[in-house]
């Protein structure tokens, strides 16, 4: 939907601002404008994302040996593929598109590119939102928290992430989900 004056929230006067609760930073009208969903805009954003991935991947593959082009292209390609988590995350929340079926399809596709099982992630992430920061309940608190430089280097290397994801995919495939209370 095009952005025009009628869709924009009205600026608050100083009197209105003092009346608002300290806990409500945005008005309901402003939140509604920010939460508006569009299949068209979602597809355009995803299309740009995939175009960047495709073009940078092509530049890397076709310029192998010409490192002044291949290395920057590989960096952009890697970043665009790694950031496919973002559309998967939003589609799992069903906020990326107005159509829930389209959200599910894009979540699956983006999850495939970012090495996530979107169906598992939907349950896992919902549980995280139900129990955020509660020890022994929030599944995201199981990630390694580095306590020294060696652990920090290990975490930023990505090795624990890859190990856990490969192990997790095998566990799901084998039905070893006893420690996953969020799976129905």
C-alpha atoms as a PDB file:
ATOM      1  CA  UNK A   1       0.000   0.000   0.000  1.00  0.00           C
ATOM      2  CA  UNK A   2       1.515   3.355  -0.967  1.00  0.00           C
ATOM      3  CA  UNK A   3       2.527   5.658   1.834  1.00  0.00           C
ATOM      4  CA  UNK A   4       0.519   8.867   1.819  1.00  0.00           C
ATOM      5  CA  UNK A   5      -0.495  11.519   4.326  1.00  0.00           C
ATOM      6  CA  UNK A   6      -3.633   9.623   5.381  1.00  0.00           C
ATOM      7  CA  UNK A   7      -1.566   6.599   6.456  1.00  0.00           C
ATOM      8  CA  UNK A   8       1.018   8.497   8.474  1.00  0.00           C
ATOM      9  CA  UNK A   9       0.500   8.873  12.217  1.00  0.00           C
ATOM     10  CA  UNK A  10      -0.133  12.424  13.372  1.00  0.00           C
ATOM     11  CA  UNK A  11       2.749  13.954  15.350  1.00  0.00           C
ATOM     12  CA  UNK A  12       2.134  14.267  19.063  1.00  0.00           C
ATOM     13  CA  UNK A  13       1.760  17.698  20.607  1.00  0.00           C
ATOM     14  CA  UNK A  14       3.717  18.292  23.828  1.00  0.00           C
ATOM     15  CA  UNK A  15       0.439  17.948  25.770  1.00  0.00           C
ATOM     16  CA  UNK A  16      -0.356  14.585  24.125  1.00  0.00           C
ATOM     17  CA  UNK A  17       3.167  13.347  24.805  1.00  0.00           C
ATOM     18  CA  UNK A  18       2.890  14.037  28.529  1.00  0.00           C
ATOM     19  CA  UNK A  19      -0.467  12.219  28.674  1.00  0.00           C
ATOM     20  CA  UNK A  20       0.973   9.009  27.211  1.00  0.00           C
ATOM     21  CA  UNK A  21       1.970   6.301  29.626  1.00  0.00           C
ATOM     22  CA  UNK A  22       5.692   5.961  30.195  1.00  0.00           C
ATOM     23  CA  UNK A  23       5.345   2.310  29.139  1.00  0.00           C
ATOM     24  CA  UNK A  24       3.580   3.068  25.855  1.00  0.00           C
ATOM     25  CA  UNK A  25       6.215   4.580  23.598  1.00  0.00           C
ATOM     26  CA  UNK A  26       4.068   4.381  20.453  1.00  0.00           C
ATOM     27  CA  UNK A  27       0.374   5.046  20.098  1.00  0.00           C
ATOM     28  CA  UNK A  28      -1.969   2.279  18.934  1.00  0.00           C
ATOM     29  CA  UNK A  29      -2.295   4.119  15.586  1.00  0.00           C
ATOM     30  CA  UNK A  30       1.505   4.185  15.117  1.00  0.00           C
ATOM     31  CA  UNK A  31       1.770   0.483  15.989  1.00  0.00           C
ATOM     32  CA  UNK A  32      -0.977  -0.377  13.497  1.00  0.00           C
ATOM     33  CA  UNK A  33       0.856   1.487  10.715  1.00  0.00           C
ATOM     34  CA  UNK A  34       4.111  -0.348  11.541  1.00  0.00           C
ATOM     35  CA  UNK A  35       2.352  -3.732  11.686  1.00  0.00           C
ATOM     36  CA  UNK A  36       0.709  -3.392   8.280  1.00  0.00           C
ATOM     37  CA  UNK A  37       1.444  -6.450   6.108  1.00  0.00           C
ATOM     38  CA  UNK A  38       1.739  -6.623   2.333  1.00  0.00           C
ATOM     39  CA  UNK A  39       2.315  -9.619   0.081  1.00  0.00           C
ATOM     40  CA  UNK A  40       3.599  -7.310  -2.663  1.00  0.00           C
ATOM     41  CA  UNK A  41       6.173  -5.470  -0.523  1.00  0.00           C
ATOM     42  CA  UNK A  42       7.293  -8.739   1.095  1.00  0.00           C
ATOM     43  CA  UNK A  43       7.861 -10.339  -2.315  1.00  0.00           C
ATOM     44  CA  UNK A  44       9.775  -7.259  -3.518  1.00  0.00           C
ATOM     45  CA  UNK A  45      12.065  -7.334  -0.459  1.00  0.00           C
ATOM     46  CA  UNK A  46      12.616 -11.075  -0.805  1.00  0.00           C
ATOM     47  CA  UNK A  47      13.249 -10.646  -4.542  1.00  0.00           C
ATOM     48  CA  UNK A  48      15.939  -8.031  -3.879  1.00  0.00           C
ATOM     49  CA  UNK A  49      17.513 -10.305  -1.267  1.00  0.00           C
ATOM     50  CA  UNK A  50      17.570 -13.297  -3.651  1.00  0.00           C
ATOM     51  CA  UNK A  51      18.832 -11.118  -6.529  1.00  0.00           C
ATOM     52  CA  UNK A  52      21.768  -9.975  -4.405  1.00  0.00           C
ATOM     53  CA  UNK A  53      22.512 -13.600  -3.482  1.00  0.00           C
ATOM     54  CA  UNK A  54      22.233 -14.763  -7.103  1.00  0.00           C
ATOM     55  CA  UNK A  55      24.298 -11.949  -8.617  1.00  0.00           C
ATOM     56  CA  UNK A  56      27.055 -12.137  -6.012  1.00  0.00           C
ATOM     57  CA  UNK A  57      27.169 -15.943  -6.322  1.00  0.00           C
ATOM     58  CA  UNK A  58      27.448 -15.614 -10.094  1.00  0.00           C
ATOM     59  CA  UNK A  59      30.187 -12.973  -9.788  1.00  0.00           C
ATOM     60  CA  UNK A  60      32.138 -15.213  -7.443  1.00  0.00           C
ATOM     61  CA  UNK A  61      31.817 -18.322  -9.606  1.00  0.00           C
ATOM     62  CA  UNK A  62      32.568 -16.548 -12.868  1.00  0.00           C
ATOM     63  CA  UNK A  63      35.562 -14.608 -11.512  1.00  0.00           C
ATOM     64  CA  UNK A  64      37.329 -17.365  -9.598  1.00  0.00           C
ATOM     65  CA  UNK A  65      40.998 -16.432  -9.759  1.00  0.00           C
ATOM     66  CA  UNK A  66      40.286 -12.710 -10.186  1.00  0.00           C
ATOM     67  CA  UNK A  67      40.416 -12.144  -6.441  1.00  0.00           C
ATOM     68  CA  UNK A  68      39.684  -8.406  -6.559  1.00  0.00           C
ATOM     69  CA  UNK A  69      36.156  -9.331  -7.747  1.00  0.00           C
ATOM     70  CA  UNK A  70      35.746 -12.868  -6.346  1.00  0.00           C
ATOM     71  CA  UNK A  71      36.537 -12.108  -2.683  1.00  0.00           C
ATOM     72  CA  UNK A  72      34.107  -9.160  -2.304  1.00  0.00           C
ATOM     73  CA  UNK A  73      31.463 -11.135  -4.242  1.00  0.00           C
ATOM     74  CA  UNK A  74      31.977 -14.135  -1.954  1.00  0.00           C
ATOM     75  CA  UNK A  75      31.652 -11.904   1.123  1.00  0.00           C
ATOM     76  CA  UNK A  76      28.366 -10.434  -0.188  1.00  0.00           C
ATOM     77  CA  UNK A  77      27.117 -13.882  -1.199  1.00  0.00           C
ATOM     78  CA  UNK A  78      27.924 -15.371   2.199  1.00  0.00           C
ATOM     79  CA  UNK A  79      26.243 -12.500   4.012  1.00  0.00           C
ATOM     80  CA  UNK A  80      23.123 -12.713   1.823  1.00  0.00           C
ATOM     81  CA  UNK A  81      22.789 -16.469   2.388  1.00  0.00           C
ATOM     82  CA  UNK A  82      23.510 -16.218   6.134  1.00  0.00           C
ATOM     83  CA  UNK A  83      20.929 -13.451   6.461  1.00  0.00           C
ATOM     84  CA  UNK A  84      18.211 -15.666   4.941  1.00  0.00           C
ATOM     85  CA  UNK A  85      17.500 -16.349   8.611  1.00  0.00           C
ATOM     86  CA  UNK A  86      15.757 -12.939   8.781  1.00  0.00           C
ATOM     87  CA  UNK A  87      13.001 -13.709   6.236  1.00  0.00           C
ATOM     88  CA  UNK A  88      12.616 -17.175   7.767  1.00  0.00           C
ATOM     89  CA  UNK A  89      12.216 -15.667  11.236  1.00  0.00           C
ATOM     90  CA  UNK A  90       9.633 -13.099  10.117  1.00  0.00           C
ATOM     91  CA  UNK A  91       7.726 -15.684   8.070  1.00  0.00           C
ATOM     92  CA  UNK A  92       7.699 -18.067  11.065  1.00  0.00           C
ATOM     93  CA  UNK A  93       6.084 -15.230  13.053  1.00  0.00           C
ATOM     94  CA  UNK A  94       3.740 -14.819  10.055  1.00  0.00           C
ATOM     95  CA  UNK A  95       4.541 -11.123   9.858  1.00  0.00           C
ATOM     96  CA  UNK A  96       6.424 -11.045   6.529  1.00  0.00           C
ATOM     97  CA  UNK A  97       3.339 -11.367   4.317  1.00  0.00           C
ATOM     98  CA  UNK A  98      -0.397 -10.794   4.680  1.00  0.00           C
ATOM     99  CA  UNK A  99      -1.095 -14.369   3.497  1.00  0.00           C
ATOM    100  CA  UNK A 100      -0.256 -17.082   6.080  1.00  0.00           C
ATOM    101  CA  UNK A 101       0.230 -19.755   3.410  1.00  0.00           C
ATOM    102  CA  UNK A 102       2.796 -17.515   1.703  1.00  0.00           C
ATOM    103  CA  UNK A 103       4.503 -17.016   5.082  1.00  0.00           C
ATOM    104  CA  UNK A 104       4.734 -20.793   5.523  1.00  0.00           C
ATOM    105  CA  UNK A 105       6.139 -21.352   2.009  1.00  0.00           C
ATOM    106  CA  UNK A 106       8.747 -18.601   2.354  1.00  0.00           C
ATOM    107  CA  UNK A 107       9.660 -19.785   5.879  1.00  0.00           C
ATOM    108  CA  UNK A 108      10.338 -23.262   4.502  1.00  0.00           C
ATOM    109  CA  UNK A 109      12.362 -21.973   1.534  1.00  0.00           C
ATOM    110  CA  UNK A 110      14.372 -19.412   3.552  1.00  0.00           C
ATOM    111  CA  UNK A 111      14.907 -22.020   6.274  1.00  0.00           C
ATOM    112  CA  UNK A 112      16.327 -24.391   3.678  1.00  0.00           C
ATOM    113  CA  UNK A 113      18.802 -21.730   2.498  1.00  0.00           C
ATOM    114  CA  UNK A 114      19.804 -20.844   6.069  1.00  0.00           C
ATOM    115  CA  UNK A 115      19.975 -24.461   7.298  1.00  0.00           C
ATOM    116  CA  UNK A 116      16.927 -24.260   9.565  1.00  0.00           C
ATOM    117  CA  UNK A 117      13.869 -26.471   9.777  1.00  0.00           C
ATOM    118  CA  UNK A 118      11.164 -23.779   9.813  1.00  0.00           C
ATOM    119  CA  UNK A 119       8.496 -26.045  11.315  1.00  0.00           C
ATOM    120  CA  UNK A 120      10.745 -27.040  14.223  1.00  0.00           C
ATOM    121  CA  UNK A 121      11.896 -23.427  14.579  1.00  0.00           C
ATOM    122  CA  UNK A 122       8.281 -22.177  14.793  1.00  0.00           C
ATOM    123  CA  UNK A 123       7.650 -24.380  17.873  1.00  0.00           C
ATOM    124  CA  UNK A 124      11.092 -23.688  19.354  1.00  0.00           C
ATOM    125  CA  UNK A 125      10.764 -19.932  18.893  1.00  0.00           C
ATOM    126  CA  UNK A 126       7.206 -19.786  20.261  1.00  0.00           C
ATOM    127  CA  UNK A 127       8.466 -21.542  23.400  1.00  0.00           C
ATOM    128  CA  UNK A 128      11.270 -18.979  23.576  1.00  0.00           C
ATOM    129  CA  UNK A 129       8.711 -16.147  23.493  1.00  0.00           C
ATOM    130  CA  UNK A 130       6.612 -17.843  26.189  1.00  0.00           C
ATOM    131  CA  UNK A 131       9.604 -18.314  28.517  1.00  0.00           C
ATOM    132  CA  UNK A 132      12.077 -15.589  27.538  1.00  0.00           C
ATOM    133  CA  UNK A 133      15.118 -15.545  29.838  1.00  0.00           C
ATOM    134  CA  UNK A 134      13.666 -18.131  32.240  1.00  0.00           C
ATOM    135  CA  UNK A 135      16.395 -20.699  33.025  1.00  0.00           C
ATOM    136  CA  UNK A 136      15.525 -24.309  32.149  1.00  0.00           C
ATOM    137  CA  UNK A 137      12.527 -23.108  30.104  1.00  0.00           C
ATOM    138  CA  UNK A 138      13.894 -20.774  27.401  1.00  0.00           C
ATOM    139  CA  UNK A 139      15.499 -23.032  24.752  1.00  0.00           C
ATOM    140  CA  UNK A 140      17.663 -20.163  23.499  1.00  0.00           C
ATOM    141  CA  UNK A 141      19.544 -20.052  26.799  1.00  0.00           C
ATOM    142  CA  UNK A 142      21.328 -23.284  25.871  1.00  0.00           C
ATOM    143  CA  UNK A 143      23.688 -21.435  23.500  1.00  0.00           C
ATOM    144  CA  UNK A 144      27.298 -21.169  24.623  1.00  0.00           C
ATOM    145  CA  UNK A 145      28.126 -17.993  26.547  1.00  0.00           C
ATOM    146  CA  UNK A 146      31.862 -17.378  26.168  1.00  0.00           C
ATOM    147  CA  UNK A 147      33.748 -16.919  29.430  1.00  0.00           C
ATOM    148  CA  UNK A 148      37.202 -16.214  27.960  1.00  0.00           C
ATOM    149  CA  UNK A 149      38.894 -15.247  24.690  1.00  0.00           C
ATOM    150  CA  UNK A 150      39.342 -18.838  23.497  1.00  0.00           C
ATOM    151  CA  UNK A 151      35.636 -19.583  23.918  1.00  0.00           C
ATOM    152  CA  UNK A 152      34.787 -16.269  22.267  1.00  0.00           C
ATOM    153  CA  UNK A 153      36.914 -17.119  19.217  1.00  0.00           C
ATOM    154  CA  UNK A 154      35.323 -20.571  19.109  1.00  0.00           C
ATOM    155  CA  UNK A 155      31.785 -19.099  19.158  1.00  0.00           C
ATOM    156  CA  UNK A 156      32.463 -16.482  16.465  1.00  0.00           C
ATOM    157  CA  UNK A 157      34.109 -19.143  14.283  1.00  0.00           C
ATOM    158  CA  UNK A 158      30.641 -20.647  13.825  1.00  0.00           C
ATOM    159  CA  UNK A 159      31.847 -24.173  14.552  1.00  0.00           C
ATOM    160  CA  UNK A 160      29.540 -24.772  17.557  1.00  0.00           C
ATOM    161  CA  UNK A 161      26.577 -23.458  15.521  1.00  0.00           C
ATOM    162  CA  UNK A 162      27.285 -25.816  12.620  1.00  0.00           C
ATOM    163  CA  UNK A 163      27.913 -28.771  14.927  1.00  0.00           C
ATOM    164  CA  UNK A 164      24.663 -28.155  16.838  1.00  0.00           C
ATOM    165  CA  UNK A 165      22.631 -27.689  13.651  1.00  0.00           C
ATOM    166  CA  UNK A 166      23.902 -30.861  11.985  1.00  0.00           C
ATOM    167  CA  UNK A 167      23.363 -32.779  15.233  1.00  0.00           C
ATOM    168  CA  UNK A 168      19.910 -31.200  15.634  1.00  0.00           C
ATOM    169  CA  UNK A 169      18.803 -32.159  12.114  1.00  0.00           C
ATOM    170  CA  UNK A 170      19.811 -35.782  12.738  1.00  0.00           C
ATOM    171  CA  UNK A 171      18.034 -35.784  16.117  1.00  0.00           C
ATOM    172  CA  UNK A 172      14.831 -34.473  14.511  1.00  0.00           C
ATOM    173  CA  UNK A 173      15.063 -37.016  11.696  1.00  0.00           C
ATOM    174  CA  UNK A 174      15.515 -39.842  14.211  1.00  0.00           C
ATOM    175  CA  UNK A 175      12.728 -38.569  16.486  1.00  0.00           C
ATOM    176  CA  UNK A 176      15.056 -37.978  19.450  1.00  0.00           C
ATOM    177  CA  UNK A 177      13.046 -35.098  20.895  1.00  0.00           C
ATOM    178  CA  UNK A 178      12.766 -35.989  24.591  1.00  0.00           C
ATOM    179  CA  UNK A 179      14.436 -32.721  25.622  1.00  0.00           C
ATOM    180  CA  UNK A 180      12.165 -30.659  23.331  1.00  0.00           C
ATOM    181  CA  UNK A 181       9.000 -30.003  25.371  1.00  0.00           C
ATOM    182  CA  UNK A 182       7.858 -27.449  22.786  1.00  0.00           C
ATOM    183  CA  UNK A 183       7.218 -30.162  20.159  1.00  0.00           C
ATOM    184  CA  UNK A 184       3.537 -31.200  20.326  1.00  0.00           C
END
